[in-house]
Every structure is written in structure tokens, then in C-alpha cells.
Amino acid sequence: MLGRSHKSRQELLEKNKIITEQKSIVEEKNREITESIEYALRIQTAILPPEKIVKQYLENSFIIYKPKDIVAGDFYWMESVGDLVLFAACDCTGHGVPGAMVSVVCHNALNRAVREFGLTQPAAILDKTSEIVKENFSKSEEDIKDGMDISLCAYKIYTNKLEWAGANNPLWLISNHELIETKADKQSIGYSEDSKPFTNHTFTLKTGENIYIFSDGFQNQFGGEGENKFTKRRFKELLLSLQNLTIQAQGIAIDKFIVEYRKETEQTDDILVMGVKT
């Protein structure tokens, strides 16, 4: 009896030792993965325009940027050409690491369209960006169907002239407490079964009007008492209810709202909202 009892204790000790070793291995692997993703975050953060640059060109503005995971498929983009400020809200396929990898490809394509090919018209930039993204993905032996939805503005601050083009994501303009939506072309940058040239829209803005561009993460967030999707209609109502605030205060209020709406609910997707007061 004593022999069997001693043997059982030995077996139990051996099992515990194996479990401890396996746990240590898993923890080490998780640590390595987390460190790699956090380093990827440093790289992705480096491609985002710094806040001081945003404020230099768009003084009256806000950006709400909330990745679902450590890294994101959403990103915001900005470039200045003479007296023209180009800025965009971009939403790449997926989120987390896969989305972040697509975002780097799409960010590079946007930069090339402007810097290498000298384009400043939003529709022309989207056409060229889509061409570059398709070209990059065509080199793979796999059939890659990833791409990007985007809302892209070209704004001449001193004349209040705005040009805009969009791939699936719209432009919202609020003037005198009225929201005017300009719908995007129903196709993505990159993969699209029936690609057509993007449509360019031109506006002459009045001082004091508000421009909003965004990904779909905010309106698709679940939360509230019934764990319901927030929806596009309610997003419009929220923005209209904040028009008596400065654009910076609107950003703070919108950020606070979505945090309180989500509460303990998991974030559904990356969230990106940009607002600019003319």
C-alpha cells in the first residue's frame, strides 16, 4: 500500500511538473507574440500624422481613433500640397494584425499617388491608389480580396473650396443644423468585381460649416440597454445634437458617448471619426 501511495505521489508530482513547464512555455509564447504586436503598433503609429501636424493644417478639428485590438485596419491620413490639405478616414479589410498589414499597403499607395504621381484631385487619387493596391496584391500566388474603404477630402482652407471622393464611406456636411450626406461610390479600393472610375465632388463651403468623415465602426458598435447596434441614423442624430459645441468639444463628447454606450460590451470594430470646422 505504501509503495503504491508513494508511486501515486510521484506520478502526481511529475504531472504537475509537466503542467508547470507547459504553462511556462505558453506564457513565454504569449509574451513574445504580444511584444511583436506592440512593436507592430510602433510601426503603425509612425505612419499616422502627429497631432501637431494635424493641428497645424486643420486647427479646428478632432480625430477619434480607437483600434479594436492593439493594431488596427483603420487609419487616418494627411498630406499637404501647396495651399491644399488632403485628409482621409480609411478602413481596411479586417482589424488586428491582418487589417494592420493591409493598412500599410494602402497607406503606401496613397502616398505614392500624391508624391510620386503628383495627383491632388480626390477621385484621381483613389483611382491610382486602387491601381497600386491591385498591383501589389497581384504579385501573390493567393487570390487576395482585401482592400480599403475611404472618405478623402482635398480642402483649400483660404478659399473654403472642398473636393471629395469616397469608396463606400460617405461625406457628411452639417450647415445650419442640417446634415447633408454625399454618398460614396459603391466599390472598394483594391479588390472590386466591377471597378469604375471614382466620382469627384466639388463644394464651396461657408465659414462655420462642419465636415465629418469616418469608418463604419462607430455606427456598428453594439451597446446600450438592449445591446443594440448604434446605427447610422442615431449617429446623425448625435452629431446634430452637438452643433452648439466647438468642434474640439464635439470630439470629446463623441468619444465619451461611445465609451458609455459600449460599457462592458466588446468593441465591435476599429473606430475612426474625423471632424473639421471650416
C-alpha atoms as a PDB file:
ATOM      1  CA  MET A   1       0.000   0.000   0.000  1.00  0.00           C
ATOM      2  CA  LEU A   2       2.759   2.416   0.960  1.00  0.00           C
ATOM      3  CA  GLY A   3       4.576   1.649  -2.285  1.00  0.00           C
ATOM      4  CA  ARG A   4       1.509   2.366  -4.396  1.00  0.00           C
ATOM      5  CA  SER A   5       0.826   5.565  -2.445  1.00  0.00           C
ATOM      6  CA  HIS A   6       4.400   6.726  -2.931  1.00  0.00           C
ATOM      7  CA  LYS A   7       4.191   5.901  -6.647  1.00  0.00           C
ATOM      8  CA  SER A   8       0.928   7.879  -6.973  1.00  0.00           C
ATOM      9  CA  ARG A   9       2.525  10.886  -5.313  1.00  0.00           C
ATOM     10  CA  GLN A  10       5.495  10.636  -7.665  1.00  0.00           C
ATOM     11  CA  GLU A  11       3.191  10.467 -10.692  1.00  0.00           C
ATOM     12  CA  LEU A  12       1.225  13.462  -9.424  1.00  0.00           C
ATOM     13  CA  LEU A  13       4.446  15.443  -8.930  1.00  0.00           C
ATOM     14  CA  GLU A  14       5.599  14.541 -12.444  1.00  0.00           C
ATOM     15  CA  LYS A  15       2.245  15.635 -13.929  1.00  0.00           C
ATOM     16  CA  ASN A  16       2.338  18.909 -12.015  1.00  0.00           C
ATOM     17  CA  LYS A  17       5.884  19.490 -13.232  1.00  0.00           C
ATOM     18  CA  ILE A  18       4.824  18.911 -16.856  1.00  0.00           C
ATOM     19  CA  ILE A  19       1.810  21.230 -16.464  1.00  0.00           C
ATOM     20  CA  THR A  20       4.016  23.940 -14.939  1.00  0.00           C
ATOM     21  CA  GLU A  21       6.534  23.624 -17.771  1.00  0.00           C
ATOM     22  CA  GLN A  22       3.803  23.752 -20.426  1.00  0.00           C
ATOM     23  CA  LYS A  23       2.239  26.777 -18.746  1.00  0.00           C
ATOM     24  CA  SER A  24       5.620  28.495 -18.734  1.00  0.00           C
ATOM     25  CA  ILE A  25       6.083  27.771 -22.458  1.00  0.00           C
ATOM     26  CA  VAL A  26       2.606  29.136 -23.304  1.00  0.00           C
ATOM     27  CA  GLU A  27       3.214  32.271 -21.224  1.00  0.00           C
ATOM     28  CA  GLU A  28       6.555  32.846 -22.942  1.00  0.00           C
ATOM     29  CA  LYS A  29       4.984  32.411 -26.401  1.00  0.00           C
ATOM     30  CA  ASN A  30       2.169  34.805 -25.476  1.00  0.00           C
ATOM     31  CA  ARG A  31       4.720  37.329 -24.238  1.00  0.00           C
ATOM     32  CA  GLU A  32       6.685  37.063 -27.493  1.00  0.00           C
ATOM     33  CA  ILE A  33       3.510  37.472 -29.588  1.00  0.00           C
ATOM     34  CA  THR A  34       2.380  40.471 -27.541  1.00  0.00           C
ATOM     35  CA  GLU A  35       5.805  42.094 -27.832  1.00  0.00           C
ATOM     36  CA  SER A  36       5.746  41.561 -31.609  1.00  0.00           C
ATOM     37  CA  ILE A  37       2.271  43.110 -31.914  1.00  0.00           C
ATOM     38  CA  GLU A  38       3.280  46.037 -29.694  1.00  0.00           C
ATOM     39  CA  TYR A  39       6.292  46.618 -31.936  1.00  0.00           C
ATOM     40  CA  ALA A  40       3.948  46.491 -34.938  1.00  0.00           C
ATOM     41  CA  LEU A  41       1.914  49.176 -33.158  1.00  0.00           C
ATOM     42  CA  ARG A  42       5.002  51.402 -33.026  1.00  0.00           C
ATOM     43  CA  ILE A  43       5.399  50.995 -36.784  1.00  0.00           C
ATOM     44  CA  GLN A  44       1.722  51.644 -37.484  1.00  0.00           C
ATOM     45  CA  THR A  45       1.681  54.681 -35.178  1.00  0.00           C
ATOM     46  CA  ALA A  46       4.655  56.070 -37.099  1.00  0.00           C
ATOM     47  CA  ILE A  47       2.591  56.250 -40.317  1.00  0.00           C
ATOM     48  CA  LEU A  48      -0.165  58.288 -38.650  1.00  0.00           C
ATOM     49  CA  PRO A  49       0.222  62.081 -38.901  1.00  0.00           C
ATOM     50  CA  PRO A  50       1.227  63.517 -35.483  1.00  0.00           C
ATOM     51  CA  GLU A  51      -1.349  65.623 -33.670  1.00  0.00           C
ATOM     52  CA  LYS A  52       0.782  68.781 -34.012  1.00  0.00           C
ATOM     53  CA  ILE A  53       0.849  68.344 -37.811  1.00  0.00           C
ATOM     54  CA  VAL A  54      -2.915  67.811 -37.929  1.00  0.00           C
ATOM     55  CA  LYS A  55      -3.478  70.957 -35.858  1.00  0.00           C
ATOM     56  CA  GLN A  56      -1.020  72.910 -37.986  1.00  0.00           C
ATOM     57  CA  TYR A  57      -3.146  72.376 -41.094  1.00  0.00           C
ATOM     58  CA  LEU A  58      -6.575  71.708 -39.555  1.00  0.00           C
ATOM     59  CA  GLU A  59      -6.640  73.806 -36.401  1.00  0.00           C
ATOM     60  CA  ASN A  60     -10.379  73.380 -35.822  1.00  0.00           C
ATOM     61  CA  SER A  61     -10.658  69.615 -35.932  1.00  0.00           C
ATOM     62  CA  PHE A  62     -10.841  66.403 -33.923  1.00  0.00           C
ATOM     63  CA  ILE A  63      -9.872  62.789 -34.516  1.00  0.00           C
ATOM     64  CA  ILE A  64     -11.331  59.855 -32.580  1.00  0.00           C
ATOM     65  CA  TYR A  65      -9.207  56.765 -33.190  1.00  0.00           C
ATOM     66  CA  LYS A  66      -9.972  53.586 -31.250  1.00  0.00           C
ATOM     67  CA  PRO A  67      -8.438  50.343 -32.547  1.00  0.00           C
ATOM     68  CA  LYS A  68     -10.385  47.207 -31.629  1.00  0.00           C
ATOM     69  CA  ASP A  69      -7.124  45.394 -30.949  1.00  0.00           C
ATOM     70  CA  ILE A  70      -3.587  46.647 -30.340  1.00  0.00           C
ATOM     71  CA  VAL A  71      -3.126  47.384 -34.051  1.00  0.00           C
ATOM     72  CA  ALA A  72      -5.867  48.365 -36.496  1.00  0.00           C
ATOM     73  CA  GLY A  73      -7.207  48.185 -40.030  1.00  0.00           C
ATOM     74  CA  ASP A  74      -8.438  51.781 -39.713  1.00  0.00           C
ATOM     75  CA  PHE A  75      -6.049  54.699 -40.112  1.00  0.00           C
ATOM     76  CA  TYR A  76      -6.236  58.406 -40.825  1.00  0.00           C
ATOM     77  CA  TRP A  77      -4.070  60.047 -43.470  1.00  0.00           C
ATOM     78  CA  MET A  78      -2.964  63.581 -44.290  1.00  0.00           C
ATOM     79  CA  GLU A  79      -0.796  65.276 -46.897  1.00  0.00           C
ATOM     80  CA  SER A  80      -0.311  68.953 -47.798  1.00  0.00           C
ATOM     81  CA  VAL A  81       0.393  70.204 -51.315  1.00  0.00           C
ATOM     82  CA  GLY A  82       0.818  73.971 -51.526  1.00  0.00           C
ATOM     83  CA  ASP A  83      -2.321  75.549 -50.085  1.00  0.00           C
ATOM     84  CA  LEU A  84      -4.216  72.257 -50.365  1.00  0.00           C
ATOM     85  CA  VAL A  85      -4.756  69.918 -47.406  1.00  0.00           C
ATOM     86  CA  LEU A  86      -5.592  66.310 -48.205  1.00  0.00           C
ATOM     87  CA  PHE A  87      -7.052  64.233 -45.382  1.00  0.00           C
ATOM     88  CA  ALA A  88      -8.853  60.913 -45.221  1.00  0.00           C
ATOM     89  CA  ALA A  89     -10.531  58.369 -42.964  1.00  0.00           C
ATOM     90  CA  CYS A  90      -9.503  54.909 -44.115  1.00  0.00           C
ATOM     91  CA  ASP A  91     -10.961  51.491 -43.256  1.00  0.00           C
ATOM     92  CA  CYS A  92      -9.053  48.439 -44.461  1.00  0.00           C
ATOM     93  CA  THR A  93     -10.362  44.893 -44.581  1.00  0.00           C
ATOM     94  CA  GLY A  94     -10.356  43.298 -41.129  1.00  0.00           C
ATOM     95  CA  HIS A  95      -8.802  44.525 -37.906  1.00  0.00           C
ATOM     96  CA  GLY A  96      -5.905  43.460 -35.691  1.00  0.00           C
ATOM     97  CA  VAL A  97      -2.732  42.207 -37.387  1.00  0.00           C
ATOM     98  CA  PRO A  98      -4.301  41.299 -40.796  1.00  0.00           C
ATOM     99  CA  GLY A  99      -6.029  44.680 -41.008  1.00  0.00           C
ATOM    100  CA  ALA A 100      -2.841  46.471 -39.990  1.00  0.00           C
ATOM    101  CA  MET A 101      -0.858  44.742 -42.746  1.00  0.00           C
ATOM    102  CA  VAL A 102      -3.414  45.790 -45.367  1.00  0.00           C
ATOM    103  CA  SER A 103      -3.368  49.333 -43.933  1.00  0.00           C
ATOM    104  CA  VAL A 104       0.389  49.647 -44.533  1.00  0.00           C
ATOM    105  CA  VAL A 105      -0.065  48.624 -48.186  1.00  0.00           C
ATOM    106  CA  CYS A 106      -2.935  51.096 -48.662  1.00  0.00           C
ATOM    107  CA  HIS A 107      -1.154  53.916 -46.813  1.00  0.00           C
ATOM    108  CA  ASN A 108       1.879  53.495 -49.046  1.00  0.00           C
ATOM    109  CA  ALA A 109      -0.358  53.519 -52.138  1.00  0.00           C
ATOM    110  CA  LEU A 110      -1.987  56.803 -51.076  1.00  0.00           C
ATOM    111  CA  ASN A 111       1.432  58.382 -50.535  1.00  0.00           C
ATOM    112  CA  ARG A 112       2.645  57.234 -53.942  1.00  0.00           C
ATOM    113  CA  ALA A 113      -0.484  58.533 -55.695  1.00  0.00           C
ATOM    114  CA  VAL A 114       0.225  62.032 -54.340  1.00  0.00           C
ATOM    115  CA  ARG A 115       4.016  62.179 -54.014  1.00  0.00           C
ATOM    116  CA  GLU A 116       5.123  60.077 -56.969  1.00  0.00           C
ATOM    117  CA  PHE A 117       2.305  60.678 -59.447  1.00  0.00           C
ATOM    118  CA  GLY A 118       1.543  64.263 -58.370  1.00  0.00           C
ATOM    119  CA  LEU A 119      -2.223  63.787 -58.025  1.00  0.00           C
ATOM    120  CA  THR A 120      -4.370  66.123 -55.913  1.00  0.00           C
ATOM    121  CA  GLN A 121      -7.911  65.520 -57.157  1.00  0.00           C
ATOM    122  CA  PRO A 122      -9.564  63.036 -54.722  1.00  0.00           C
ATOM    123  CA  ALA A 123     -11.152  60.813 -57.404  1.00  0.00           C
ATOM    124  CA  ALA A 124      -7.875  60.604 -59.338  1.00  0.00           C
ATOM    125  CA  ILE A 125      -6.018  59.744 -56.115  1.00  0.00           C
ATOM    126  CA  LEU A 126      -8.476  56.927 -55.388  1.00  0.00           C
ATOM    127  CA  ASP A 127      -8.211  55.583 -58.955  1.00  0.00           C
ATOM    128  CA  LYS A 128      -4.406  55.492 -58.754  1.00  0.00           C
ATOM    129  CA  THR A 129      -4.382  54.131 -55.168  1.00  0.00           C
ATOM    130  CA  SER A 130      -6.686  51.292 -56.208  1.00  0.00           C
ATOM    131  CA  GLU A 131      -4.443  50.517 -59.184  1.00  0.00           C
ATOM    132  CA  ILE A 132      -1.342  50.388 -56.952  1.00  0.00           C
ATOM    133  CA  VAL A 133      -3.029  48.189 -54.324  1.00  0.00           C
ATOM    134  CA  LYS A 134      -4.236  45.744 -57.003  1.00  0.00           C
ATOM    135  CA  GLU A 135      -0.738  45.663 -58.479  1.00  0.00           C
ATOM    136  CA  ASN A 136       0.801  44.866 -55.086  1.00  0.00           C
ATOM    137  CA  PHE A 137      -1.672  42.094 -54.300  1.00  0.00           C
ATOM    138  CA  SER A 138      -1.465  40.588 -57.807  1.00  0.00           C
ATOM    139  CA  LYS A 139       2.120  39.515 -57.064  1.00  0.00           C
ATOM    140  CA  SER A 140       0.817  36.943 -54.601  1.00  0.00           C
ATOM    141  CA  GLU A 141       0.047  33.403 -55.714  1.00  0.00           C
ATOM    142  CA  GLU A 142      -3.014  33.574 -53.460  1.00  0.00           C
ATOM    143  CA  ASP A 143      -6.239  35.278 -54.586  1.00  0.00           C
ATOM    144  CA  ILE A 144      -6.218  38.283 -52.212  1.00  0.00           C
ATOM    145  CA  LYS A 145      -9.563  40.046 -51.935  1.00  0.00           C
ATOM    146  CA  ASP A 146      -8.575  42.627 -49.350  1.00  0.00           C
ATOM    147  CA  GLY A 147      -8.920  46.348 -49.858  1.00  0.00           C
ATOM    148  CA  MET A 148      -9.928  49.662 -48.305  1.00  0.00           C
ATOM    149  CA  ASP A 149     -12.988  51.858 -47.887  1.00  0.00           C
ATOM    150  CA  ILE A 150     -12.121  55.543 -47.680  1.00  0.00           C
ATOM    151  CA  SER A 151     -13.528  59.062 -47.462  1.00  0.00           C
ATOM    152  CA  LEU A 152     -10.991  61.518 -48.938  1.00  0.00           C
ATOM    153  CA  CYS A 153     -11.090  65.329 -48.802  1.00  0.00           C
ATOM    154  CA  ALA A 154      -8.991  67.961 -50.604  1.00  0.00           C
ATOM    155  CA  TYR A 155      -9.552  71.248 -48.791  1.00  0.00           C
ATOM    156  CA  LYS A 156      -8.325  74.721 -49.759  1.00  0.00           C
ATOM    157  CA  ILE A 157      -8.608  76.470 -46.400  1.00  0.00           C
ATOM    158  CA  TYR A 158      -8.221  80.082 -47.585  1.00  0.00           C
ATOM    159  CA  THR A 159     -10.922  79.795 -50.255  1.00  0.00           C
ATOM    160  CA  ASN A 160     -13.158  77.225 -48.495  1.00  0.00           C
ATOM    161  CA  LYS A 161     -13.145  75.013 -51.584  1.00  0.00           C
ATOM    162  CA  LEU A 162     -13.604  71.310 -50.951  1.00  0.00           C
ATOM    163  CA  GLU A 163     -13.219  68.389 -53.330  1.00  0.00           C
ATOM    164  CA  TRP A 164     -14.189  64.917 -52.147  1.00  0.00           C
ATOM    165  CA  ALA A 165     -14.393  61.315 -53.304  1.00  0.00           C
ATOM    166  CA  GLY A 166     -15.321  58.171 -51.414  1.00  0.00           C
ATOM    167  CA  ALA A 167     -15.113  54.407 -51.664  1.00  0.00           C
ATOM    168  CA  ASN A 168     -18.163  53.063 -49.760  1.00  0.00           C
ATOM    169  CA  ASN A 169     -17.780  55.661 -46.972  1.00  0.00           C
ATOM    170  CA  PRO A 170     -19.680  58.979 -47.303  1.00  0.00           C
ATOM    171  CA  LEU A 171     -19.093  62.640 -46.530  1.00  0.00           C
ATOM    172  CA  TRP A 172     -21.387  64.369 -44.025  1.00  0.00           C
ATOM    173  CA  LEU A 173     -21.642  68.155 -44.039  1.00  0.00           C
ATOM    174  CA  ILE A 174     -23.646  69.970 -41.361  1.00  0.00           C
ATOM    175  CA  SER A 175     -24.734  73.534 -42.082  1.00  0.00           C
ATOM    176  CA  ASN A 176     -27.331  75.489 -40.070  1.00  0.00           C
ATOM    177  CA  HIS A 177     -28.246  72.321 -38.147  1.00  0.00           C
ATOM    178  CA  GLU A 178     -28.978  70.420 -41.364  1.00  0.00           C
ATOM    179  CA  LEU A 179     -26.999  67.308 -42.273  1.00  0.00           C
ATOM    180  CA  ILE A 180     -26.256  66.810 -45.965  1.00  0.00           C
ATOM    181  CA  GLU A 181     -24.878  63.410 -46.982  1.00  0.00           C
ATOM    182  CA  THR A 182     -22.840  62.880 -50.134  1.00  0.00           C
ATOM    183  CA  LYS A 183     -22.772  59.183 -50.885  1.00  0.00           C
ATOM    184  CA  ALA A 184     -19.644  57.354 -51.947  1.00  0.00           C
ATOM    185  CA  ASP A 185     -19.114  55.115 -54.943  1.00  0.00           C
ATOM    186  CA  LYS A 186     -20.127  51.569 -54.052  1.00  0.00           C
ATOM    187  CA  GLN A 187     -16.739  49.964 -54.559  1.00  0.00           C
ATOM    188  CA  SER A 188     -13.604  49.486 -52.503  1.00  0.00           C
ATOM    189  CA  ILE A 189     -10.010  50.435 -53.166  1.00  0.00           C
ATOM    190  CA  GLY A 190      -8.208  47.342 -54.394  1.00  0.00           C
ATOM    191  CA  TYR A 191     -10.457  44.335 -54.758  1.00  0.00           C
ATOM    192  CA  SER A 192     -13.691  45.063 -56.628  1.00  0.00           C
ATOM    193  CA  GLU A 193     -15.586  42.848 -59.054  1.00  0.00           C
ATOM    194  CA  ASP A 194     -16.620  45.734 -61.305  1.00  0.00           C
ATOM    195  CA  SER A 195     -14.227  48.664 -60.890  1.00  0.00           C
ATOM    196  CA  LYS A 196     -15.175  52.051 -62.321  1.00  0.00           C
ATOM    197  CA  PRO A 197     -13.520  55.476 -62.112  1.00  0.00           C
ATOM    198  CA  PHE A 198     -14.343  57.213 -58.840  1.00  0.00           C
ATOM    199  CA  THR A 199     -16.641  60.239 -58.804  1.00  0.00           C
ATOM    200  CA  ASN A 200     -15.230  63.631 -57.834  1.00  0.00           C
ATOM    201  CA  HIS A 201     -17.476  66.069 -55.948  1.00  0.00           C
ATOM    202  CA  THR A 202     -16.824  69.808 -55.537  1.00  0.00           C
ATOM    203  CA  PHE A 203     -18.224  72.121 -52.849  1.00  0.00           C
ATOM    204  CA  THR A 204     -17.922  75.786 -51.957  1.00  0.00           C
ATOM    205  CA  LEU A 205     -18.203  75.844 -48.176  1.00  0.00           C
ATOM    206  CA  LYS A 206     -19.311  78.599 -45.849  1.00  0.00           C
ATOM    207  CA  THR A 207     -17.420  79.563 -42.729  1.00  0.00           C
ATOM    208  CA  GLY A 208     -18.728  77.672 -39.718  1.00  0.00           C
ATOM    209  CA  GLU A 209     -19.837  74.504 -41.501  1.00  0.00           C
ATOM    210  CA  ASN A 210     -18.724  71.120 -40.162  1.00  0.00           C
ATOM    211  CA  ILE A 211     -17.263  68.247 -42.202  1.00  0.00           C
ATOM    212  CA  TYR A 212     -17.352  64.654 -40.900  1.00  0.00           C
ATOM    213  CA  ILE A 213     -15.650  61.582 -42.362  1.00  0.00           C
ATOM    214  CA  PHE A 214     -15.415  58.191 -40.670  1.00  0.00           C
ATOM    215  CA  SER A 215     -15.174  54.423 -40.903  1.00  0.00           C
ATOM    216  CA  ASP A 216     -18.235  52.272 -40.119  1.00  0.00           C
ATOM    217  CA  GLY A 217     -17.003  51.201 -36.668  1.00  0.00           C
ATOM    218  CA  PHE A 218     -18.842  53.894 -34.670  1.00  0.00           C
ATOM    219  CA  GLN A 219     -22.285  53.278 -36.137  1.00  0.00           C
ATOM    220  CA  ASN A 220     -21.874  49.488 -35.983  1.00  0.00           C
ATOM    221  CA  GLN A 221     -20.924  49.391 -32.284  1.00  0.00           C
ATOM    222  CA  PHE A 222     -23.229  47.361 -30.043  1.00  0.00           C
ATOM    223  CA  GLY A 223     -24.218  48.588 -26.593  1.00  0.00           C
ATOM    224  CA  GLY A 224     -26.884  50.428 -24.654  1.00  0.00           C
ATOM    225  CA  GLU A 225     -29.563  48.741 -22.570  1.00  0.00           C
ATOM    226  CA  GLY A 226     -30.641  46.335 -25.292  1.00  0.00           C
ATOM    227  CA  GLU A 227     -27.159  45.585 -26.621  1.00  0.00           C
ATOM    228  CA  ASN A 228     -28.278  47.071 -29.948  1.00  0.00           C
ATOM    229  CA  LYS A 229     -26.228  48.360 -32.855  1.00  0.00           C
ATOM    230  CA  PHE A 230     -25.884  52.137 -32.628  1.00  0.00           C
ATOM    231  CA  THR A 231     -26.846  52.663 -36.322  1.00  0.00           C
ATOM    232  CA  LYS A 232     -26.150  55.354 -38.904  1.00  0.00           C
ATOM    233  CA  ARG A 233     -29.421  57.200 -38.155  1.00  0.00           C
ATOM    234  CA  ARG A 234     -28.572  57.595 -34.471  1.00  0.00           C
ATOM    235  CA  PHE A 235     -25.039  58.679 -35.355  1.00  0.00           C
ATOM    236  CA  LYS A 236     -26.514  61.509 -37.451  1.00  0.00           C
ATOM    237  CA  GLU A 237     -28.819  62.488 -34.588  1.00  0.00           C
ATOM    238  CA  LEU A 238     -25.877  62.534 -32.176  1.00  0.00           C
ATOM    239  CA  LEU A 239     -23.842  64.862 -34.402  1.00  0.00           C
ATOM    240  CA  LEU A 240     -26.795  67.197 -34.914  1.00  0.00           C
ATOM    241  CA  SER A 241     -27.335  67.381 -31.155  1.00  0.00           C
ATOM    242  CA  LEU A 242     -23.752  68.632 -30.645  1.00  0.00           C
ATOM    243  CA  GLN A 243     -23.742  71.530 -33.103  1.00  0.00           C
ATOM    244  CA  ASN A 244     -23.761  74.205 -30.387  1.00  0.00           C
ATOM    245  CA  LEU A 245     -20.351  72.951 -29.197  1.00  0.00           C
ATOM    246  CA  THR A 246     -16.941  73.801 -30.628  1.00  0.00           C
ATOM    247  CA  ILE A 247     -15.556  71.138 -32.946  1.00  0.00           C
ATOM    248  CA  GLN A 248     -12.982  70.118 -30.303  1.00  0.00           C
ATOM    249  CA  ALA A 249     -15.723  69.790 -27.659  1.00  0.00           C
ATOM    250  CA  GLN A 250     -17.748  67.702 -30.110  1.00  0.00           C
ATOM    251  CA  GLY A 251     -14.842  65.278 -30.374  1.00  0.00           C
ATOM    252  CA  ILE A 252     -14.650  64.929 -26.590  1.00  0.00           C
ATOM    253  CA  ALA A 253     -18.419  64.410 -26.338  1.00  0.00           C
ATOM    254  CA  ILE A 254     -18.500  61.797 -29.128  1.00  0.00           C
ATOM    255  CA  ASP A 255     -15.593  59.893 -27.568  1.00  0.00           C
ATOM    256  CA  LYS A 256     -17.263  59.918 -24.135  1.00  0.00           C
ATOM    257  CA  PHE A 257     -20.586  58.850 -25.641  1.00  0.00           C
ATOM    258  CA  ILE A 258     -19.288  55.713 -27.377  1.00  0.00           C
ATOM    259  CA  VAL A 259     -17.370  54.613 -24.266  1.00  0.00           C
ATOM    260  CA  GLU A 260     -20.526  54.920 -22.159  1.00  0.00           C
ATOM    261  CA  TYR A 261     -22.701  53.316 -24.848  1.00  0.00           C
ATOM    262  CA  ARG A 262     -20.398  50.315 -25.158  1.00  0.00           C
ATOM    263  CA  LYS A 263     -19.965  49.836 -21.384  1.00  0.00           C
ATOM    264  CA  GLU A 264     -18.908  46.197 -20.873  1.00  0.00           C
ATOM    265  CA  THR A 265     -19.717  45.171 -24.458  1.00  0.00           C
ATOM    266  CA  GLU A 266     -16.758  44.121 -26.593  1.00  0.00           C
ATOM    267  CA  GLN A 267     -15.734  46.703 -29.173  1.00  0.00           C
ATOM    268  CA  THR A 268     -17.170  45.517 -32.481  1.00  0.00           C
ATOM    269  CA  ASP A 269     -14.644  47.015 -34.877  1.00  0.00           C
ATOM    270  CA  ASP A 270     -11.987  49.701 -35.179  1.00  0.00           C
ATOM    271  CA  ILE A 271     -13.488  53.170 -34.651  1.00  0.00           C
ATOM    272  CA  LEU A 272     -12.393  56.268 -36.571  1.00  0.00           C
ATOM    273  CA  VAL A 273     -14.216  59.610 -36.773  1.00  0.00           C
ATOM    274  CA  MET A 274     -12.767  62.912 -38.047  1.00  0.00           C
ATOM    275  CA  GLY A 275     -14.456  66.298 -37.766  1.00  0.00           C
ATOM    276  CA  VAL A 276     -13.325  69.601 -39.307  1.00  0.00           C
ATOM    277  CA  LYS A 277     -14.875  73.064 -38.885  1.00  0.00           C
ATOM    278  CA  THR A 278     -14.477  75.403 -41.851  1.00  0.00           C
END
